[in-house]
Amino acid sequence: MLTLTAHQIKELAEFAGMEVTHDDDELMESEYTIVERPTIPFRDEVEGAKNRYYQHAAYLTDYPEEGALPLGPEIEPPRAAKCEAEGGGS
């Protein structure tokens, strides 16, 4: 897990050669948490409510209930989720 402020994310984007012009001081203090291989799926409502898992996910640290952004490629579900989807369980 990694937590960065919006200002740190801006610095990282600029390091990668991108131009970021938003500089609202209050917004730049917001913290975002990035997790690796989140175990909670993202629901794809377009494709029959299919669960999708991604390499990383980011969410607003103070308000995780507001949702998350999947990052990186789609990956295989965690083992426990795979067993439940196949009708098994532990």
C-alpha atoms as a PDB file:
ATOM      1  CA  MET A   1       0.000   0.000   0.000  1.00  0.00           C
ATOM      2  CA  LEU A   2       1.223   3.488  -0.868  1.00  0.00           C
ATOM      3  CA  THR A   3      -0.342   6.818   0.098  1.00  0.00           C
ATOM      4  CA  LEU A   4       0.502   9.977  -1.852  1.00  0.00           C
ATOM      5  CA  THR A   5      -0.854  13.512  -1.799  1.00  0.00           C
ATOM      6  CA  ALA A   6      -2.221  15.003  -5.004  1.00  0.00           C
ATOM      7  CA  HIS A   7       0.860  17.253  -4.979  1.00  0.00           C
ATOM      8  CA  GLN A   8       3.157  14.208  -4.938  1.00  0.00           C
ATOM      9  CA  ILE A   9       1.137  12.630  -7.758  1.00  0.00           C
ATOM     10  CA  LYS A  10       1.548  15.886  -9.730  1.00  0.00           C
ATOM     11  CA  GLU A  11       5.308  15.792  -9.126  1.00  0.00           C
ATOM     12  CA  LEU A  12       5.420  12.182 -10.330  1.00  0.00           C
ATOM     13  CA  ALA A  13       3.439  13.057 -13.469  1.00  0.00           C
ATOM     14  CA  GLU A  14       5.802  15.956 -14.193  1.00  0.00           C
ATOM     15  CA  PHE A  15       8.782  13.637 -13.650  1.00  0.00           C
ATOM     16  CA  ALA A  16       7.232  11.368 -16.302  1.00  0.00           C
ATOM     17  CA  GLY A  17       7.148  14.321 -18.703  1.00  0.00           C
ATOM     18  CA  MET A  18       3.492  15.309 -18.347  1.00  0.00           C
ATOM     19  CA  GLU A  19       2.255  18.825 -17.795  1.00  0.00           C
ATOM     20  CA  VAL A  20      -0.197  19.216 -14.923  1.00  0.00           C
ATOM     21  CA  THR A  21      -1.776  22.642 -14.605  1.00  0.00           C
ATOM     22  CA  HIS A  22      -4.216  22.155 -11.704  1.00  0.00           C
ATOM     23  CA  ASP A  23      -2.850  23.771  -8.561  1.00  0.00           C
ATOM     24  CA  ASP A  24      -5.754  24.171  -6.096  1.00  0.00           C
ATOM     25  CA  ASP A  25      -3.973  24.176  -2.713  1.00  0.00           C
ATOM     26  CA  GLU A  26      -6.776  22.390  -0.857  1.00  0.00           C
ATOM     27  CA  LEU A  27      -7.100  19.729  -3.564  1.00  0.00           C
ATOM     28  CA  MET A  28      -3.329  19.220  -3.696  1.00  0.00           C
ATOM     29  CA  GLU A  29      -3.369  18.196  -0.006  1.00  0.00           C
ATOM     30  CA  SER A  30      -5.835  15.344  -0.673  1.00  0.00           C
ATOM     31  CA  GLU A  31      -4.319  11.909  -0.080  1.00  0.00           C
ATOM     32  CA  TYR A  32      -4.786   8.930  -2.365  1.00  0.00           C
ATOM     33  CA  THR A  33      -4.025   5.352  -1.427  1.00  0.00           C
ATOM     34  CA  ILE A  34      -2.813   2.861  -4.024  1.00  0.00           C
ATOM     35  CA  VAL A  35      -3.130  -0.832  -3.229  1.00  0.00           C
ATOM     36  CA  GLU A  36      -1.572  -3.762  -5.053  1.00  0.00           C
ATOM     37  CA  ARG A  37      -3.785  -6.644  -6.186  1.00  0.00           C
ATOM     38  CA  PRO A  38      -6.968  -5.482  -4.427  1.00  0.00           C
ATOM     39  CA  THR A  39      -9.147  -8.399  -3.343  1.00  0.00           C
ATOM     40  CA  ILE A  40     -12.423  -6.507  -3.854  1.00  0.00           C
ATOM     41  CA  PRO A  41     -13.627  -6.727  -7.465  1.00  0.00           C
ATOM     42  CA  PHE A  42     -14.774  -3.939  -9.735  1.00  0.00           C
ATOM     43  CA  ARG A  43     -18.250  -4.677 -11.122  1.00  0.00           C
ATOM     44  CA  ASP A  44     -18.609  -4.263 -14.879  1.00  0.00           C
ATOM     45  CA  GLU A  45     -22.317  -3.472 -15.208  1.00  0.00           C
ATOM     46  CA  VAL A  46     -22.077  -3.321 -19.008  1.00  0.00           C
ATOM     47  CA  GLU A  47     -20.977  -6.938 -19.377  1.00  0.00           C
ATOM     48  CA  GLY A  48     -23.576  -8.671 -17.201  1.00  0.00           C
ATOM     49  CA  ALA A  49     -22.242  -7.466 -13.831  1.00  0.00           C
ATOM     50  CA  LYS A  50     -18.973  -9.351 -14.273  1.00  0.00           C
ATOM     51  CA  ASN A  51     -16.393  -9.023 -11.483  1.00  0.00           C
ATOM     52  CA  ARG A  52     -13.056  -7.702 -12.698  1.00  0.00           C
ATOM     53  CA  TYR A  53      -9.757  -7.578 -10.807  1.00  0.00           C
ATOM     54  CA  TYR A  54      -6.854  -5.249 -11.585  1.00  0.00           C
ATOM     55  CA  GLN A  55      -3.180  -5.061 -10.738  1.00  0.00           C
ATOM     56  CA  HIS A  56      -3.697  -1.928  -8.611  1.00  0.00           C
ATOM     57  CA  ALA A  57      -6.494   0.332  -7.392  1.00  0.00           C
ATOM     58  CA  ALA A  58      -6.456   3.908  -6.113  1.00  0.00           C
ATOM     59  CA  TYR A  59      -8.946   5.601  -3.808  1.00  0.00           C
ATOM     60  CA  LEU A  60      -9.283   8.831  -1.865  1.00  0.00           C
ATOM     61  CA  THR A  61      -7.750   7.912   1.502  1.00  0.00           C
ATOM     62  CA  ASP A  62     -10.276   9.793   3.645  1.00  0.00           C
ATOM     63  CA  TYR A  63     -13.308   8.635   1.628  1.00  0.00           C
ATOM     64  CA  PRO A  64     -12.792   5.055   0.384  1.00  0.00           C
ATOM     65  CA  GLU A  65     -16.564   4.575   0.245  1.00  0.00           C
ATOM     66  CA  GLU A  66     -16.671   7.063  -2.654  1.00  0.00           C
ATOM     67  CA  GLY A  67     -15.215   4.401  -4.937  1.00  0.00           C
ATOM     68  CA  ALA A  68     -11.914   3.391  -6.443  1.00  0.00           C
ATOM     69  CA  LEU A  69     -10.143   3.657  -9.764  1.00  0.00           C
ATOM     70  CA  PRO A  70      -8.731   0.439 -11.252  1.00  0.00           C
ATOM     71  CA  LEU A  71      -5.128   0.833 -12.407  1.00  0.00           C
ATOM     72  CA  GLY A  72      -3.028  -1.385 -14.610  1.00  0.00           C
ATOM     73  CA  PRO A  73      -4.034  -4.490 -16.504  1.00  0.00           C
ATOM     74  CA  GLU A  74      -6.890  -6.784 -15.586  1.00  0.00           C
ATOM     75  CA  ILE A  75      -5.630  -9.842 -13.681  1.00  0.00           C
ATOM     76  CA  GLU A  76      -6.920 -13.238 -12.585  1.00  0.00           C
ATOM     77  CA  PRO A  77      -9.161 -13.177  -9.497  1.00  0.00           C
ATOM     78  CA  PRO A  78      -7.623 -14.066  -6.141  1.00  0.00           C
ATOM     79  CA  ARG A  79      -7.793 -17.802  -5.382  1.00  0.00           C
ATOM     80  CA  ALA A  80     -10.687 -17.542  -2.865  1.00  0.00           C
ATOM     81  CA  ALA A  81     -12.785 -15.479  -5.280  1.00  0.00           C
ATOM     82  CA  LYS A  82     -12.049 -17.954  -8.066  1.00  0.00           C
ATOM     83  CA  CYS A  83     -13.291 -20.868  -5.918  1.00  0.00           C
ATOM     84  CA  GLU A  84     -16.531 -19.050  -5.068  1.00  0.00           C
ATOM     85  CA  ALA A  85     -17.140 -18.191  -8.751  1.00  0.00           C
ATOM     86  CA  GLU A  86     -16.699 -21.864  -9.644  1.00  0.00           C
ATOM     87  CA  GLY A  87     -19.255 -22.926  -7.024  1.00  0.00           C
ATOM     88  CA  GLY A  88     -16.733 -24.078  -4.449  1.00  0.00           C
ATOM     89  CA  GLY A  89     -15.829 -22.462  -1.202  1.00  0.00           C
ATOM     90  CA  SER A  90     -13.606 -22.882   1.733  1.00  0.00           C
END
